[in-house]
Amino acid sequence: GLSEKLVSRVNPRMAAYQYHPELFKCVLEEAAIQAGAELLFHTLV
């Protein structure tokens, strides 16, 4: 879900990673749960 380093065509002084937003959702959940955090979705303070 991640590209190699890409040089920006907008500003060649910069580099970035392209990524897959949908896979990133899965990665974030996995990392938070494995660290021991509890999650509560669909909830507004």
All heavy atoms as atom14 arrays in JSON, in Angstrom:
{
  "sequence": "GLSEKLVSRVNPRMAAYQYHPELFKCVLEEAAIQAGAELLFHTLV",
  "atom14_mask": [
    [1, 1, 1, 1, 0, 0, 0, 0, 0, 0, 0, 0, 0, 0],
    [1, 1, 1, 1, 1, 1, 1, 1, 0, 0, 0, 0, 0, 0],
    [1, 1, 1, 1, 1, 1, 0, 0, 0, 0, 0, 0, 0, 0],
    [1, 1, 1, 1, 1, 1, 1, 1, 1, 0, 0, 0, 0, 0],
    [1, 1, 1, 1, 1, 1, 1, 1, 1, 0, 0, 0, 0, 0],
    [1, 1, 1, 1, 1, 1, 1, 1, 0, 0, 0, 0, 0, 0],
    [1, 1, 1, 1, 1, 1, 1, 0, 0, 0, 0, 0, 0, 0],
    [1, 1, 1, 1, 1, 1, 0, 0, 0, 0, 0, 0, 0, 0],
    [1, 1, 1, 1, 1, 1, 1, 1, 1, 1, 1, 0, 0, 0],
    [1, 1, 1, 1, 1, 1, 1, 0, 0, 0, 0, 0, 0, 0],
    [1, 1, 1, 1, 1, 1, 1, 1, 0, 0, 0, 0, 0, 0],
    [1, 1, 1, 1, 1, 1, 1, 0, 0, 0, 0, 0, 0, 0],
    [1, 1, 1, 1, 1, 1, 1, 1, 1, 1, 1, 0, 0, 0],
    [1, 1, 1, 1, 1, 1, 1, 1, 0, 0, 0, 0, 0, 0],
    [1, 1, 1, 1, 1, 0, 0, 0, 0, 0, 0, 0, 0, 0],
    [1, 1, 1, 1, 1, 0, 0, 0, 0, 0, 0, 0, 0, 0],
    [1, 1, 1, 1, 1, 1, 1, 1, 1, 1, 1, 1, 0, 0],
    [1, 1, 1, 1, 1, 1, 1, 1, 1, 0, 0, 0, 0, 0],
    [1, 1, 1, 1, 1, 1, 1, 1, 1, 1, 1, 1, 0, 0],
    [1, 1, 1, 1, 1, 1, 1, 1, 1, 1, 0, 0, 0, 0],
    [1, 1, 1, 1, 1, 1, 1, 0, 0, 0, 0, 0, 0, 0],
    [1, 1, 1, 1, 1, 1, 1, 1, 1, 0, 0, 0, 0, 0],
    [1, 1, 1, 1, 1, 1, 1, 1, 0, 0, 0, 0, 0, 0],
    [1, 1, 1, 1, 1, 1, 1, 1, 1, 1, 1, 0, 0, 0],
    [1, 1, 1, 1, 1, 1, 1, 1, 1, 0, 0, 0, 0, 0],
    [1, 1, 1, 1, 1, 1, 0, 0, 0, 0, 0, 0, 0, 0],
    [1, 1, 1, 1, 1, 1, 1, 0, 0, 0, 0, 0, 0, 0],
    [1, 1, 1, 1, 1, 1, 1, 1, 0, 0, 0, 0, 0, 0],
    [1, 1, 1, 1, 1, 1, 1, 1, 1, 0, 0, 0, 0, 0],
    [1, 1, 1, 1, 1, 1, 1, 1, 1, 0, 0, 0, 0, 0],
    [1, 1, 1, 1, 1, 0, 0, 0, 0, 0, 0, 0, 0, 0],
    [1, 1, 1, 1, 1, 0, 0, 0, 0, 0, 0, 0, 0, 0],
    [1, 1, 1, 1, 1, 1, 1, 1, 0, 0, 0, 0, 0, 0],
    [1, 1, 1, 1, 1, 1, 1, 1, 1, 0, 0, 0, 0, 0],
    [1, 1, 1, 1, 1, 0, 0, 0, 0, 0, 0, 0, 0, 0],
    [1, 1, 1, 1, 0, 0, 0, 0, 0, 0, 0, 0, 0, 0],
    [1, 1, 1, 1, 1, 0, 0, 0, 0, 0, 0, 0, 0, 0],
    [1, 1, 1, 1, 1, 1, 1, 1, 1, 0, 0, 0, 0, 0],
    [1, 1, 1, 1, 1, 1, 1, 1, 0, 0, 0, 0, 0, 0],
    [1, 1, 1, 1, 1, 1, 1, 1, 0, 0, 0, 0, 0, 0],
    [1, 1, 1, 1, 1, 1, 1, 1, 1, 1, 1, 0, 0, 0],
    [1, 1, 1, 1, 1, 1, 1, 1, 1, 1, 0, 0, 0, 0],
    [1, 1, 1, 1, 1, 1, 1, 0, 0, 0, 0, 0, 0, 0],
    [1, 1, 1, 1, 1, 1, 1, 1, 0, 0, 0, 0, 0, 0],
    [1, 1, 1, 1, 1, 1, 1, 0, 0, 0, 0, 0, 0, 0]
  ],
  "atom14_positions": [
    [[0.79, -1.22, 0.0], [0.0, 0.0, 0.0], [0.82, 1.27, 0.0], [0.29, 2.35, 0.28], [0.0, 0.0, 0.0], [0.0, 0.0, 0.0], [0.0, 0.0, 0.0], [0.0, 0.0, 0.0], [0.0, 0.0, 0.0], [0.0, 0.0, 0.0], [0.0, 0.0, 0.0], [0.0, 0.0, 0.0], [0.0, 0.0, 0.0], [0.0, 0.0, 0.0]],
    [[2.13, 1.17, -0.33], [3.01, 2.34, -0.29], [3.96, 2.32, -1.48], [4.5, 1.27, -1.84], [3.83, 2.33, 1.01], [4.66, 3.58, 1.3], [3.75, 4.74, 1.72], [5.7, 3.31, 2.39], [0.0, 0.0, 0.0], [0.0, 0.0, 0.0], [0.0, 0.0, 0.0], [0.0, 0.0, 0.0], [0.0, 0.0, 0.0], [0.0, 0.0, 0.0]],
    [[4.17, 3.46, -2.1], [5.08, 3.57, -3.23], [6.52, 3.73, -2.73], [6.77, 3.89, -1.53], [4.73, 4.8, -4.08], [5.1, 6.0, -3.4], [0.0, 0.0, 0.0], [0.0, 0.0, 0.0], [0.0, 0.0, 0.0], [0.0, 0.0, 0.0], [0.0, 0.0, 0.0], [0.0, 0.0, 0.0], [0.0, 0.0, 0.0], [0.0, 0.0, 0.0]],
    [[7.46, 3.69, -3.65], [8.82, 4.11, -3.34], [8.85, 5.64, -3.28], [7.87, 6.31, -3.58], [9.78, 3.6, -4.43], [9.85, 2.09, -4.53], [10.29, 1.43, -3.23], [11.21, 1.97, -2.58], [9.7, 0.42, -2.84], [0.0, 0.0, 0.0], [0.0, 0.0, 0.0], [0.0, 0.0, 0.0], [0.0, 0.0, 0.0], [0.0, 0.0, 0.0]],
    [[9.99, 6.17, -2.9], [10.13, 7.63, -2.85], [9.9, 8.22, -4.25], [10.48, 7.76, -5.23], [11.52, 8.02, -2.35], [11.77, 9.52, -2.31], [13.09, 9.88, -1.65], [14.26, 9.54, -2.55], [15.54, 10.01, -1.97], [0.0, 0.0, 0.0], [0.0, 0.0, 0.0], [0.0, 0.0, 0.0], [0.0, 0.0, 0.0], [0.0, 0.0, 0.0]],
    [[9.04, 9.22, -4.31], [8.71, 9.87, -5.59], [9.06, 11.35, -5.5], [8.71, 12.02, -4.53], [7.22, 9.71, -5.9], [6.7, 8.28, -6.05], [5.18, 8.3, -6.16], [7.31, 7.61, -7.27], [0.0, 0.0, 0.0], [0.0, 0.0, 0.0], [0.0, 0.0, 0.0], [0.0, 0.0, 0.0], [0.0, 0.0, 0.0], [0.0, 0.0, 0.0]],
    [[9.74, 11.85, -6.52], [10.05, 13.28, -6.57], [8.82, 14.02, -7.09], [8.23, 13.63, -8.09], [11.26, 13.55, -7.49], [11.51, 15.05, -7.6], [12.5, 12.85, -6.94], [0.0, 0.0, 0.0], [0.0, 0.0, 0.0], [0.0, 0.0, 0.0], [0.0, 0.0, 0.0], [0.0, 0.0, 0.0], [0.0, 0.0, 0.0], [0.0, 0.0, 0.0]],
    [[8.44, 15.08, -6.39], [7.25, 15.85, -6.76], [7.44, 16.54, -8.11], [8.48, 17.17, -8.36], [6.96, 16.9, -5.69], [5.97, 17.8, -6.13], [0.0, 0.0, 0.0], [0.0, 0.0, 0.0], [0.0, 0.0, 0.0], [0.0, 0.0, 0.0], [0.0, 0.0, 0.0], [0.0, 0.0, 0.0], [0.0, 0.0, 0.0], [0.0, 0.0, 0.0]],
    [[6.43, 16.42, -8.96], [6.45, 17.13, -10.24], [6.0, 18.57, -10.06], [6.22, 19.4, -10.93], [5.57, 16.4, -11.26], [6.07, 15.0, -11.59], [5.17, 14.31, -12.59], [5.19, 14.97, -13.89], [4.46, 14.58, -14.93], [3.64, 13.54, -14.82], [4.52, 15.23, -16.08], [0.0, 0.0, 0.0], [0.0, 0.0, 0.0], [0.0, 0.0, 0.0]],
    [[5.35, 18.86, -8.97], [4.93, 20.22, -8.67], [6.09, 21.04, -8.16], [6.31, 22.19, -8.56], [3.78, 20.23, -7.64], [3.38, 21.65, -7.28], [2.58, 19.46, -8.19], [0.0, 0.0, 0.0], [0.0, 0.0, 0.0], [0.0, 0.0, 0.0], [0.0, 0.0, 0.0], [0.0, 0.0, 0.0], [0.0, 0.0, 0.0], [0.0, 0.0, 0.0]],
    [[6.89, 20.44, -7.26], [8.07, 21.1, -6.71], [9.19, 20.06, -6.64], [9.23, 19.25, -5.7], [7.77, 21.67, -5.32], [8.96, 22.41, -4.73], [10.06, 22.38, -5.28], [8.74, 23.07, -3.61], [0.0, 0.0, 0.0], [0.0, 0.0, 0.0], [0.0, 0.0, 0.0], [0.0, 0.0, 0.0], [0.0, 0.0, 0.0], [0.0, 0.0, 0.0]],
    [[10.11, 20.04, -7.61], [11.16, 19.02, -7.67], [12.1, 19.0, -6.46], [12.9, 18.08, -6.33], [11.92, 19.39, -8.95], [10.95, 20.18, -9.76], [10.14, 20.94, -8.77], [0.0, 0.0, 0.0], [0.0, 0.0, 0.0], [0.0, 0.0, 0.0], [0.0, 0.0, 0.0], [0.0, 0.0, 0.0], [0.0, 0.0, 0.0], [0.0, 0.0, 0.0]],
    [[12.0, 20.0, -5.58], [12.83, 20.0, -4.37], [12.27, 19.05, -3.32], [12.92, 18.76, -2.33], [12.92, 21.41, -3.78], [13.61, 22.43, -4.67], [13.71, 23.8, -4.02], [14.61, 23.78, -2.87], [14.21, 23.85, -1.61], [12.91, 23.92, -1.31], [15.09, 23.84, -0.63], [0.0, 0.0, 0.0], [0.0, 0.0, 0.0], [0.0, 0.0, 0.0]],
    [[11.05, 18.57, -3.54], [10.36, 17.76, -2.55], [10.18, 16.32, -3.01], [10.12, 16.05, -4.21], [8.98, 18.35, -2.24], [9.02, 19.72, -1.6], [7.35, 20.43, -1.48], [6.52, 19.15, -0.52], [0.0, 0.0, 0.0], [0.0, 0.0, 0.0], [0.0, 0.0, 0.0], [0.0, 0.0, 0.0], [0.0, 0.0, 0.0], [0.0, 0.0, 0.0]],
    [[10.1, 15.42, -2.04], [9.8, 14.02, -2.32], [8.65, 13.58, -1.42], [8.4, 14.18, -0.37], [11.01, 13.14, -2.09], [0.0, 0.0, 0.0], [0.0, 0.0, 0.0], [0.0, 0.0, 0.0], [0.0, 0.0, 0.0], [0.0, 0.0, 0.0], [0.0, 0.0, 0.0], [0.0, 0.0, 0.0], [0.0, 0.0, 0.0], [0.0, 0.0, 0.0]],
    [[7.96, 12.53, -1.84], [6.79, 12.06, -1.09], [6.57, 10.58, -1.34], [7.2, 9.98, -2.22], [5.55, 12.85, -1.49], [0.0, 0.0, 0.0], [0.0, 0.0, 0.0], [0.0, 0.0, 0.0], [0.0, 0.0, 0.0], [0.0, 0.0, 0.0], [0.0, 0.0, 0.0], [0.0, 0.0, 0.0], [0.0, 0.0, 0.0], [0.0, 0.0, 0.0]],
    [[5.68, 10.0, -0.55], [5.19, 8.64, -0.77], [3.73, 8.73, -1.22], [2.95, 9.48, -0.64], [5.22, 7.81, 0.51], [6.57, 7.47, 1.06], [7.0, 8.0, 2.27], [7.41, 6.58, 0.4], [8.23, 7.66, 2.81], [8.65, 6.24, 0.93], [9.05, 6.79, 2.12], [10.27, 6.45, 2.65], [0.0, 0.0, 0.0], [0.0, 0.0, 0.0]],
    [[3.37, 7.96, -2.23], [1.96, 7.73, -2.52], [1.51, 6.55, -1.66], [2.31, 5.66, -1.38], [1.75, 7.4, -4.0], [2.04, 8.55, -4.95], [0.92, 9.57, -5.0], [-0.16, 9.35, -4.48], [1.2, 10.71, -5.63], [0.0, 0.0, 0.0], [0.0, 0.0, 0.0], [0.0, 0.0, 0.0], [0.0, 0.0, 0.0], [0.0, 0.0, 0.0]],
    [[0.26, 6.55, -1.24], [-0.21, 5.44, -0.41], [-1.67, 5.11, -0.74], [-2.37, 5.89, -1.4], [-0.07, 5.78, 1.08], [-1.0, 6.85, 1.57], [-2.23, 6.53, 2.16], [-0.68, 8.19, 1.43], [-3.09, 7.52, 2.6], [-1.53, 9.19, 1.87], [-2.73, 8.85, 2.45], [-3.59, 9.83, 2.87], [0.0, 0.0, 0.0], [0.0, 0.0, 0.0]],
    [[-2.1, 3.98, -0.27], [-3.46, 3.47, -0.52], [-4.31, 3.82, 0.7], [-4.16, 3.22, 1.77], [-3.41, 1.96, -0.71], [-4.64, 1.36, -1.29], [-5.91, 1.69, -0.86], [-4.81, 0.42, -2.26], [-6.79, 1.0, -1.54], [-6.17, 0.23, -2.41], [0.0, 0.0, 0.0], [0.0, 0.0, 0.0], [0.0, 0.0, 0.0], [0.0, 0.0, 0.0]],
    [[-5.23, 4.8, 0.6], [-6.02, 5.23, 1.77], [-6.82, 4.11, 2.41], [-6.97, 4.08, 3.64], [-6.93, 6.31, 1.2], [-6.24, 6.82, -0.02], [-5.54, 5.62, -0.6], [0.0, 0.0, 0.0], [0.0, 0.0, 0.0], [0.0, 0.0, 0.0], [0.0, 0.0, 0.0], [0.0, 0.0, 0.0], [0.0, 0.0, 0.0], [0.0, 0.0, 0.0]],
    [[-7.35, 3.18, 1.62], [-8.18, 2.11, 2.19], [-7.34, 1.13, 2.99], [-7.74, 0.68, 4.07], [-8.96, 1.39, 1.08], [-9.85, 2.3, 0.26], [-10.79, 3.14, 1.11], [-11.37, 2.6, 2.07], [-10.92, 4.35, 0.83], [0.0, 0.0, 0.0], [0.0, 0.0, 0.0], [0.0, 0.0, 0.0], [0.0, 0.0, 0.0], [0.0, 0.0, 0.0]],
    [[-6.16, 0.79, 2.47], [-5.27, -0.1, 3.22], [-4.73, 0.59, 4.46], [-4.46, -0.06, 5.48], [-4.12, -0.57, 2.34], [-4.49, -1.51, 1.19], [-3.25, -1.88, 0.38], [-5.17, -2.77, 1.72], [0.0, 0.0, 0.0], [0.0, 0.0, 0.0], [0.0, 0.0, 0.0], [0.0, 0.0, 0.0], [0.0, 0.0, 0.0], [0.0, 0.0, 0.0]],
    [[-4.58, 1.91, 4.37], [-4.07, 2.66, 5.53], [-5.05, 2.57, 6.7], [-4.64, 2.52, 7.86], [-3.83, 4.12, 5.14], [-2.97, 4.88, 6.11], [-1.81, 4.32, 6.64], [-3.31, 6.16, 6.5], [-1.01, 5.02, 7.54], [-2.53, 6.87, 7.4], [-1.38, 6.3, 7.92], [0.0, 0.0, 0.0], [0.0, 0.0, 0.0], [0.0, 0.0, 0.0]],
    [[-6.36, 2.54, 6.43], [-7.34, 2.34, 7.49], [-7.05, 1.05, 8.25], [-7.09, 1.01, 9.49], [-8.75, 2.26, 6.9], [-9.27, 3.51, 6.25], [-10.64, 3.25, 5.62], [-11.18, 4.45, 4.87], [-12.47, 4.17, 4.21], [0.0, 0.0, 0.0], [0.0, 0.0, 0.0], [0.0, 0.0, 0.0], [0.0, 0.0, 0.0], [0.0, 0.0, 0.0]],
    [[-6.78, -0.01, 7.51], [-6.53, -1.32, 8.13], [-5.25, -1.31, 8.94], [-5.18, -1.86, 10.05], [-6.47, -2.4, 7.05], [-7.94, -2.49, 6.01], [0.0, 0.0, 0.0], [0.0, 0.0, 0.0], [0.0, 0.0, 0.0], [0.0, 0.0, 0.0], [0.0, 0.0, 0.0], [0.0, 0.0, 0.0], [0.0, 0.0, 0.0], [0.0, 0.0, 0.0]],
    [[-4.21, -0.7, 8.37], [-2.91, -0.63, 9.05], [-3.02, 0.11, 10.38], [-2.46, -0.32, 11.4], [-1.88, 0.07, 8.13], [-0.66, 0.55, 8.92], [-1.44, -0.88, 7.01], [0.0, 0.0, 0.0], [0.0, 0.0, 0.0], [0.0, 0.0, 0.0], [0.0, 0.0, 0.0], [0.0, 0.0, 0.0], [0.0, 0.0, 0.0], [0.0, 0.0, 0.0]],
    [[-3.75, 1.22, 10.38], [-3.88, 2.02, 11.6], [-4.61, 1.27, 12.7], [-4.2, 1.3, 13.87], [-4.6, 3.33, 11.28], [-3.86, 4.29, 10.35], [-4.73, 5.48, 10.0], [-2.56, 4.75, 10.97], [0.0, 0.0, 0.0], [0.0, 0.0, 0.0], [0.0, 0.0, 0.0], [0.0, 0.0, 0.0], [0.0, 0.0, 0.0], [0.0, 0.0, 0.0]],
    [[-5.69, 0.59, 12.35], [-6.42, -0.21, 13.34], [-5.52, -1.29, 13.93], [-5.47, -1.49, 15.15], [-7.64, -0.85, 12.7], [-8.75, 0.11, 12.37], [-9.92, -0.58, 11.69], [-9.84, -1.8, 11.42], [-10.91, 0.1, 11.44], [0.0, 0.0, 0.0], [0.0, 0.0, 0.0], [0.0, 0.0, 0.0], [0.0, 0.0, 0.0], [0.0, 0.0, 0.0]],
    [[-4.83, -1.99, 13.04], [-3.96, -3.07, 13.48], [-2.89, -2.57, 14.44], [-2.65, -3.16, 15.5], [-3.3, -3.69, 12.23], [-2.29, -4.78, 12.5], [-1.61, -5.2, 11.21], [-0.61, -4.54, 10.82], [-2.06, -6.16, 10.57], [0.0, 0.0, 0.0], [0.0, 0.0, 0.0], [0.0, 0.0, 0.0], [0.0, 0.0, 0.0], [0.0, 0.0, 0.0]],
    [[-2.26, -1.44, 14.1], [-1.19, -0.9, 14.93], [-1.71, -0.44, 16.29], [-1.08, -0.69, 17.34], [-0.5, 0.25, 14.21], [0.0, 0.0, 0.0], [0.0, 0.0, 0.0], [0.0, 0.0, 0.0], [0.0, 0.0, 0.0], [0.0, 0.0, 0.0], [0.0, 0.0, 0.0], [0.0, 0.0, 0.0], [0.0, 0.0, 0.0], [0.0, 0.0, 0.0]],
    [[-2.86, 0.22, 16.31], [-3.41, 0.71, 17.57], [-3.83, -0.43, 18.48], [-3.52, -0.42, 19.69], [-4.61, 1.62, 17.28], [0.0, 0.0, 0.0], [0.0, 0.0, 0.0], [0.0, 0.0, 0.0], [0.0, 0.0, 0.0], [0.0, 0.0, 0.0], [0.0, 0.0, 0.0], [0.0, 0.0, 0.0], [0.0, 0.0, 0.0], [0.0, 0.0, 0.0]],
    [[-4.49, -1.43, 17.92], [-4.96, -2.56, 18.73], [-3.78, -3.37, 19.26], [-3.76, -3.77, 20.43], [-5.91, -3.44, 17.9], [-7.2, -2.68, 17.62], [-6.21, -4.75, 18.61], [-8.11, -3.32, 16.61], [0.0, 0.0, 0.0], [0.0, 0.0, 0.0], [0.0, 0.0, 0.0], [0.0, 0.0, 0.0], [0.0, 0.0, 0.0], [0.0, 0.0, 0.0]],
    [[-2.78, -3.6, 18.42], [-1.6, -4.35, 18.86], [-0.84, -3.62, 19.97], [-0.24, -4.25, 20.83], [-0.69, -4.65, 17.69], [-1.24, -5.72, 16.75], [-0.29, -6.03, 15.61], [0.81, -5.47, 15.5], [-0.72, -6.94, 14.73], [0.0, 0.0, 0.0], [0.0, 0.0, 0.0], [0.0, 0.0, 0.0], [0.0, 0.0, 0.0], [0.0, 0.0, 0.0]],
    [[-0.88, -2.28, 19.93], [-0.22, -1.51, 20.99], [-0.98, -1.57, 22.3], [-0.43, -1.26, 23.36], [-0.06, -0.05, 20.55], [0.0, 0.0, 0.0], [0.0, 0.0, 0.0], [0.0, 0.0, 0.0], [0.0, 0.0, 0.0], [0.0, 0.0, 0.0], [0.0, 0.0, 0.0], [0.0, 0.0, 0.0], [0.0, 0.0, 0.0], [0.0, 0.0, 0.0]],
    [[-2.27, -1.97, 22.23], [-3.07, -2.09, 23.45], [-4.13, -1.03, 23.62], [-4.83, -1.01, 24.64], [0.0, 0.0, 0.0], [0.0, 0.0, 0.0], [0.0, 0.0, 0.0], [0.0, 0.0, 0.0], [0.0, 0.0, 0.0], [0.0, 0.0, 0.0], [0.0, 0.0, 0.0], [0.0, 0.0, 0.0], [0.0, 0.0, 0.0], [0.0, 0.0, 0.0]],
    [[-4.28, -0.14, 22.63], [-5.29, 0.91, 22.74], [-6.68, 0.33, 22.47], [-6.84, -0.58, 21.65], [-4.99, 2.03, 21.75], [0.0, 0.0, 0.0], [0.0, 0.0, 0.0], [0.0, 0.0, 0.0], [0.0, 0.0, 0.0], [0.0, 0.0, 0.0], [0.0, 0.0, 0.0], [0.0, 0.0, 0.0], [0.0, 0.0, 0.0], [0.0, 0.0, 0.0]],
    [[-7.68, 0.86, 23.15], [-9.07, 0.52, 22.87], [-9.63, 1.56, 21.91], [-9.27, 2.74, 21.96], [-9.89, 0.5, 24.16], [-9.46, -0.57, 25.15], [-10.29, -0.54, 26.42], [-11.52, -0.34, 26.32], [-9.71, -0.71, 27.51], [0.0, 0.0, 0.0], [0.0, 0.0, 0.0], [0.0, 0.0, 0.0], [0.0, 0.0, 0.0], [0.0, 0.0, 0.0]],
    [[-10.51, 1.12, 21.01], [-11.1, 2.01, 20.01], [-12.6, 2.16, 20.23], [-13.28, 1.2, 20.61], [-10.86, 1.46, 18.6], [-9.41, 1.16, 18.21], [-9.35, 0.57, 16.8], [-8.55, 2.41, 18.3], [0.0, 0.0, 0.0], [0.0, 0.0, 0.0], [0.0, 0.0, 0.0], [0.0, 0.0, 0.0], [0.0, 0.0, 0.0], [0.0, 0.0, 0.0]],
    [[-13.12, 3.34, 19.97], [-14.56, 3.58, 20.02], [-14.92, 4.45, 18.83], [-14.6, 5.64, 18.78], [-14.97, 4.26, 21.32], [-16.48, 4.46, 21.52], [-17.21, 3.11, 21.55], [-16.77, 5.25, 22.78], [0.0, 0.0, 0.0], [0.0, 0.0, 0.0], [0.0, 0.0, 0.0], [0.0, 0.0, 0.0], [0.0, 0.0, 0.0], [0.0, 0.0, 0.0]],
    [[-15.61, 3.84, 17.83], [-15.96, 4.53, 16.6], [-17.36, 5.13, 16.67], [-18.13, 4.88, 17.58], [-15.89, 3.56, 15.42], [-14.49, 3.16, 15.02], [-14.26, 1.96, 14.38], [-13.41, 3.99, 15.28], [-12.98, 1.58, 14.0], [-12.12, 3.63, 14.9], [-11.91, 2.42, 14.26], [0.0, 0.0, 0.0], [0.0, 0.0, 0.0], [0.0, 0.0, 0.0]],
    [[-17.69, 5.92, 15.65], [-19.02, 6.52, 15.5], [-19.43, 7.26, 16.78], [-20.59, 7.18, 17.21], [-20.06, 5.45, 15.14], [-19.78, 4.77, 13.84], [-19.83, 5.4, 12.63], [-19.42, 3.48, 13.57], [-19.54, 4.55, 11.66], [-19.28, 3.37, 12.2], [0.0, 0.0, 0.0], [0.0, 0.0, 0.0], [0.0, 0.0, 0.0], [0.0, 0.0, 0.0]],
    [[-18.49, 7.98, 17.35], [-18.73, 8.65, 18.63], [-18.22, 10.08, 18.57], [-17.08, 10.32, 18.17], [-18.03, 7.89, 19.78], [-18.58, 6.55, 19.85], [-18.24, 8.58, 21.1], [0.0, 0.0, 0.0], [0.0, 0.0, 0.0], [0.0, 0.0, 0.0], [0.0, 0.0, 0.0], [0.0, 0.0, 0.0], [0.0, 0.0, 0.0], [0.0, 0.0, 0.0]],
    [[-19.07, 11.01, 18.97], [-18.73, 12.43, 18.93], [-18.7, 13.0, 20.34], [-19.63, 12.81, 21.12], [-19.78, 13.18, 18.1], [-19.51, 14.65, 17.8], [-18.32, 14.8, 16.87], [-20.75, 15.29, 17.18], [0.0, 0.0, 0.0], [0.0, 0.0, 0.0], [0.0, 0.0, 0.0], [0.0, 0.0, 0.0], [0.0, 0.0, 0.0], [0.0, 0.0, 0.0]],
    [[-17.61, 13.67, 20.68], [-17.52, 14.34, 21.98], [-18.35, 15.62, 21.92], [-18.19, 16.44, 21.01], [-16.05, 14.67, 22.32], [-15.98, 15.58, 23.55], [-15.27, 13.39, 22.57], [0.0, 0.0, 0.0], [0.0, 0.0, 0.0], [0.0, 0.0, 0.0], [0.0, 0.0, 0.0], [0.0, 0.0, 0.0], [0.0, 0.0, 0.0], [0.0, 0.0, 0.0]]
  ]
}
